[in-house]
């Protein structure tokens, strides 16, 4: 990470810590530590519409949360040698997030955070993003907006609008086992620096449209299995011309536990 990236990340973390210290002190004796473990299989690794691995990948993650803060480590392991990295972990993301209700406004949550991207066993340079976002939980489809700013290698900005809807208990297996239907969609826009850094094209423009349908199914008290089918397409002509695979359909299954 560059010195500039380190300074910006440190400033973000310090600002979030100072802004939430009062709330944290009030909740110190009442809020338990949350622990989450997630094991994902995907038939392709697609990130913001970009096909980073056209074959199977294993993507485990672990998270800890308390006082509105969540720290997590996510990684991806190639399960084939199509990219020359069979069995290798080719990306590790370390994320610190703070999410809270917006003061004085019902149904609005805000979040800020930082993501450190490392790419072992590859020639891809490491980088850092900071982000902020709003989610409107009481509006139809719970719309959200997030802004990601790369402060290291790319120095560009990615904007993402998302919507989602969960239909509860669309399948009842028995009295204690059921499946919801979780639907989601997002569209992304990259500014000129972002598109230059990732696609070597001039000017800002729409990047990707991503659609997801999943069937989260609880297994007992703590476990959830979530099969999904997903589709992503690159939107602008210049970005499509710069990406070898601009349209991708893939499936996945996730097994998670939270306690």
Protein backbone atom coordinates (compact mmCIF):
# COMPACT_ATOMS: atom_id res chain seq x y z
CA UNK A 1 0.00 0.00 0.00
CA UNK A 2 1.26 3.49 -0.81
CA UNK A 3 1.91 6.03 1.94
CA UNK A 4 -1.06 8.05 0.69
CA UNK A 5 -3.29 5.00 0.92
CA UNK A 6 -2.11 4.26 4.45
CA UNK A 7 -2.81 7.82 5.58
CA UNK A 8 -6.32 7.88 4.11
CA UNK A 9 -7.22 4.49 5.55
CA UNK A 10 -5.93 5.53 8.97
CA UNK A 11 -7.97 8.73 8.82
CA UNK A 12 -11.14 6.82 7.92
CA UNK A 13 -10.67 4.33 10.75
CA UNK A 14 -9.91 7.08 13.26
CA UNK A 15 -12.92 9.14 12.20
CA UNK A 16 -15.30 6.20 12.50
CA UNK A 17 -13.89 5.28 15.91
CA UNK A 18 -14.26 8.80 17.29
CA UNK A 19 -17.75 9.26 15.85
CA UNK A 20 -19.07 6.06 17.41
CA UNK A 21 -17.28 5.99 20.77
CA UNK A 22 -20.30 7.28 22.72
CA UNK A 23 -22.63 4.69 21.25
CA UNK A 24 -20.11 1.94 21.83
CA UNK A 25 -19.74 2.90 25.47
CA UNK A 26 -23.52 2.75 26.00
CA UNK A 27 -23.77 -0.69 24.43
CA UNK A 28 -20.62 -2.19 25.89
CA UNK A 29 -22.37 -4.33 28.44
CA UNK A 30 -25.35 -5.38 26.32
CA UNK A 31 -24.16 -6.31 22.83
CA UNK A 32 -22.50 -9.72 22.33
CA UNK A 33 -19.65 -10.38 19.93
CA UNK A 34 -20.97 -11.70 16.61
CA UNK A 35 -19.00 -14.37 14.79
CA UNK A 36 -19.68 -15.49 11.23
CA UNK A 37 -18.12 -18.12 8.98
CA UNK A 38 -19.08 -18.53 5.33
CA UNK A 39 -18.02 -21.11 2.76
CA UNK A 40 -18.92 -20.30 -0.85
CA UNK A 41 -18.57 -22.28 -4.05
CA UNK A 42 -19.01 -20.41 -7.36
CA UNK A 43 -18.88 -21.79 -10.89
CA UNK A 44 -17.25 -18.49 -11.99
CA UNK A 45 -15.71 -15.63 -10.04
CA UNK A 46 -17.40 -12.44 -11.26
CA UNK A 47 -16.62 -9.09 -9.58
CA UNK A 48 -18.48 -5.95 -10.64
CA UNK A 49 -19.27 -7.65 -13.93
CA UNK A 50 -15.63 -8.57 -14.60
CA UNK A 51 -14.88 -12.24 -15.23
CA UNK A 52 -11.84 -12.80 -13.00
CA UNK A 53 -12.00 -16.60 -13.14
CA UNK A 54 -14.10 -18.45 -15.73
CA UNK A 55 -13.96 -21.70 -13.74
CA UNK A 56 -14.81 -22.97 -10.26
CA UNK A 57 -13.59 -21.20 -7.15
CA UNK A 58 -13.85 -21.70 -3.39
CA UNK A 59 -14.40 -18.50 -1.39
CA UNK A 60 -14.26 -18.79 2.41
CA UNK A 61 -14.65 -15.84 4.78
CA UNK A 62 -14.79 -15.10 8.49
CA UNK A 63 -16.13 -12.04 10.31
CA UNK A 64 -16.33 -10.54 13.79
CA UNK A 65 -18.83 -7.81 14.70
CA UNK A 66 -19.56 -5.63 17.72
CA UNK A 67 -20.81 -2.07 18.37
CA UNK A 68 -21.73 -1.69 14.69
CA UNK A 69 -18.20 -2.56 13.54
CA UNK A 70 -17.55 -5.62 11.39
CA UNK A 71 -14.08 -6.86 10.56
CA UNK A 72 -13.84 -9.59 7.94
CA UNK A 73 -11.36 -11.58 5.88
CA UNK A 74 -12.49 -12.99 2.51
CA UNK A 75 -10.48 -15.02 0.03
CA UNK A 76 -10.81 -16.90 -3.25
CA UNK A 77 -9.06 -20.12 -4.25
CA UNK A 78 -8.86 -21.31 -7.86
CA UNK A 79 -10.10 -24.89 -8.19
CA UNK A 80 -8.77 -25.34 -11.72
CA UNK A 81 -5.55 -24.43 -13.52
CA UNK A 82 -7.25 -22.39 -16.25
CA UNK A 83 -5.37 -19.29 -15.02
CA UNK A 84 -2.27 -21.20 -13.96
CA UNK A 85 -3.13 -20.99 -10.24
CA UNK A 86 -4.86 -24.30 -9.49
CA UNK A 87 -5.18 -24.69 -5.72
CA UNK A 88 -3.77 -21.21 -5.01
CA UNK A 89 -5.50 -18.42 -3.11
CA UNK A 90 -5.32 -15.57 -5.60
CA UNK A 91 -7.10 -12.81 -3.67
CA UNK A 92 -7.48 -11.89 0.00
CA UNK A 93 -9.65 -8.96 1.09
CA UNK A 94 -9.50 -7.50 4.60
CA UNK A 95 -12.47 -5.23 5.36
CA UNK A 96 -13.40 -2.98 8.26
CA UNK A 97 -17.00 -1.71 8.14
CA UNK A 98 -19.11 0.48 10.41
CA UNK A 99 -22.88 0.49 9.93
CA UNK A 100 -25.50 2.33 11.96
CA UNK A 101 -28.96 3.85 11.75
CA UNK A 102 -28.93 7.41 10.42
CA UNK A 103 -29.54 9.73 13.39
CA UNK A 104 -33.05 11.17 13.50
CA UNK A 105 -34.22 9.46 10.30
CA UNK A 106 -36.27 6.26 10.44
CA UNK A 107 -35.51 3.54 7.93
CA UNK A 108 -32.12 4.83 6.78
CA UNK A 109 -28.84 3.08 7.55
CA UNK A 110 -25.41 4.45 6.74
CA UNK A 111 -22.10 2.67 6.42
CA UNK A 112 -18.44 3.51 5.88
CA UNK A 113 -15.46 1.24 5.54
CA UNK A 114 -12.13 0.32 4.05
CA UNK A 115 -11.09 -2.71 1.96
CA UNK A 116 -7.50 -3.87 1.52
CA UNK A 117 -7.09 -6.02 -1.61
CA UNK A 118 -4.12 -8.41 -1.80
CA UNK A 119 -3.43 -10.69 -4.79
CA UNK A 120 -0.97 -13.46 -3.85
CA UNK A 121 0.43 -15.76 -6.57
CA UNK A 122 -0.47 -13.19 -9.26
CA UNK A 123 1.04 -10.10 -10.86
CA UNK A 124 -1.97 -7.95 -9.96
CA UNK A 125 -0.85 -5.03 -7.74
CA UNK A 126 -2.41 -4.69 -4.30
CA UNK A 127 -4.74 -1.76 -3.69
CA UNK A 128 -7.07 -0.13 -1.14
CA UNK A 129 -10.62 1.22 -1.36
CA UNK A 130 -12.61 3.31 1.06
CA UNK A 131 -16.40 3.44 0.75
CA UNK A 132 -19.58 4.94 2.11
CA UNK A 133 -23.22 4.13 1.55
CA UNK A 134 -26.88 4.55 2.44
CA UNK A 135 -29.65 1.92 2.58
CA UNK A 136 -33.33 2.85 2.72
CA UNK A 137 -34.84 -0.09 4.57
CA UNK A 138 -38.49 1.06 4.63
CA UNK A 139 -38.80 1.96 0.94
CA UNK A 140 -40.01 -0.62 -1.59
CA UNK A 141 -37.13 -2.91 -2.68
CA UNK A 142 -34.85 -1.40 0.01
CA UNK A 143 -32.76 0.70 -2.42
CA UNK A 144 -29.13 1.36 -1.58
CA UNK A 145 -26.27 3.45 -2.93
CA UNK A 146 -22.57 2.91 -2.31
CA UNK A 147 -19.53 4.85 -3.47
CA UNK A 148 -16.13 3.10 -3.58
CA UNK A 149 -12.97 5.17 -3.92
CA UNK A 150 -9.67 3.50 -4.74
CA UNK A 151 -6.98 5.45 -2.89
CA UNK A 152 -3.95 3.45 -3.97
CA UNK A 153 -3.35 1.73 -7.31
CA UNK A 154 -6.34 2.85 -9.41
CA UNK A 155 -7.31 6.18 -7.79
CA UNK A 156 -10.76 5.96 -9.35
CA UNK A 157 -14.36 5.85 -8.13
CA UNK A 158 -17.07 3.22 -8.60
CA UNK A 159 -20.74 4.00 -7.87
CA UNK A 160 -23.26 1.24 -7.20
CA UNK A 161 -27.06 1.36 -6.98
CA UNK A 162 -28.83 -1.71 -5.66
CA UNK A 163 -32.32 -3.03 -4.90
CA UNK A 164 -33.52 -6.24 -3.31
CA UNK A 165 -36.60 -8.13 -2.22
CA UNK A 166 -37.03 -11.25 -0.09
CA UNK A 167 -40.16 -13.35 -0.40
CA UNK A 168 -40.48 -15.38 2.78
CA UNK A 169 -41.17 -19.11 2.89
CA UNK A 170 -41.81 -19.66 -0.80
CA UNK A 171 -41.04 -23.34 -0.17
CA UNK A 172 -42.03 -25.13 3.05
CA UNK A 173 -40.10 -28.36 3.39
CA UNK A 174 -41.57 -29.06 6.82
CA UNK A 175 -42.59 -27.14 9.93
CA UNK A 176 -39.02 -26.14 10.80
CA UNK A 177 -37.36 -26.04 7.37
CA UNK A 178 -38.26 -23.59 4.63
CA UNK A 179 -36.71 -21.57 1.81
CA UNK A 180 -37.04 -17.86 1.14
CA UNK A 181 -36.57 -16.34 -2.30
CA UNK A 182 -34.03 -13.50 -2.26
CA UNK A 183 -33.91 -11.35 -5.39
CA UNK A 184 -31.36 -8.63 -6.03
CA UNK A 185 -30.14 -6.28 -8.75
CA UNK A 186 -27.37 -3.71 -8.96
CA UNK A 187 -25.93 -1.36 -11.55
CA UNK A 188 -22.44 0.12 -11.42
CA UNK A 189 -20.83 3.23 -12.89
CA UNK A 190 -17.10 3.94 -13.08
CA UNK A 191 -15.56 7.38 -13.44
CA UNK A 192 -12.84 8.05 -16.00
CA UNK A 193 -9.95 7.10 -13.68
CA UNK A 194 -11.66 3.86 -12.65
CA UNK A 195 -12.36 2.84 -16.24
CA UNK A 196 -8.85 3.77 -17.33
CA UNK A 197 -7.34 1.74 -14.48
CA UNK A 198 -9.40 -1.42 -15.02
CA UNK A 199 -10.29 -1.36 -18.72
CA UNK A 200 -7.85 1.13 -20.33
CA UNK A 201 -10.73 3.10 -21.83
CA UNK A 202 -11.32 6.85 -21.74
CA UNK A 203 -14.17 8.55 -19.92
CA UNK A 204 -16.68 7.57 -17.29
CA UNK A 205 -19.55 5.26 -18.07
CA UNK A 206 -21.89 2.51 -16.97
CA UNK A 207 -20.03 -0.67 -16.02
CA UNK A 208 -22.22 -3.60 -15.06
CA UNK A 209 -25.74 -4.83 -14.43
CA UNK A 210 -25.85 -7.77 -12.02
CA UNK A 211 -28.92 -9.90 -11.20
CA UNK A 212 -29.19 -12.51 -8.45
CA UNK A 213 -31.79 -15.03 -7.30
CA UNK A 214 -31.14 -17.19 -4.24
CA UNK A 215 -32.96 -19.63 -1.95
CA UNK A 216 -31.62 -19.14 1.59
CA UNK A 217 -32.65 -22.12 3.70
CA UNK A 218 -31.97 -22.36 7.45
CA UNK A 219 -30.46 -25.59 8.73
CA UNK A 220 -31.21 -25.66 12.42
CA UNK A 221 -30.62 -22.62 14.61
CA UNK A 222 -27.35 -21.25 13.25
CA UNK A 223 -26.63 -22.61 9.77
CA UNK A 224 -27.97 -21.37 6.43
CA UNK A 225 -27.45 -22.89 2.97
CA UNK A 226 -27.99 -20.56 0.02
CA UNK A 227 -27.98 -21.83 -3.58
CA UNK A 228 -28.05 -19.04 -6.15
CA UNK A 229 -28.06 -18.26 -9.85
CA UNK A 230 -26.54 -15.02 -11.11
CA UNK A 231 -26.15 -13.02 -14.30
CA UNK A 232 -23.94 -10.03 -15.09
CA UNK A 233 -23.48 -7.99 -18.23
CA UNK A 234 -21.18 -5.09 -19.02
CA UNK A 235 -23.18 -2.10 -20.22
CA UNK A 236 -21.16 0.52 -22.09
CA UNK A 237 -19.78 -0.32 -25.53
CA UNK A 238 -16.23 0.74 -24.69
CA UNK A 239 -16.11 -1.42 -21.55
CA UNK A 240 -17.64 -4.39 -23.40
CA UNK A 241 -14.98 -4.13 -26.08
CA UNK A 242 -12.29 -4.12 -23.39
CA UNK A 243 -13.56 -7.24 -21.58
CA UNK A 244 -13.15 -10.67 -23.23
CA UNK A 245 -16.29 -12.05 -21.53
CA UNK A 246 -18.88 -9.29 -21.16
CA UNK A 247 -21.88 -11.52 -20.37
CA UNK A 248 -21.72 -14.13 -17.63
CA UNK A 249 -24.15 -16.61 -16.12
CA UNK A 250 -23.00 -18.55 -13.08
CA UNK A 251 -24.28 -20.44 -10.09
CA UNK A 252 -23.14 -20.75 -6.52
CA UNK A 253 -23.90 -22.31 -3.17
CA UNK A 254 -23.08 -20.82 0.20
CA UNK A 255 -22.97 -22.44 3.64
CA UNK A 256 -22.84 -19.97 6.54
CA UNK A 257 -23.05 -20.01 10.30
CA UNK A 258 -23.53 -17.06 12.63
CA UNK A 259 -23.47 -17.02 16.40
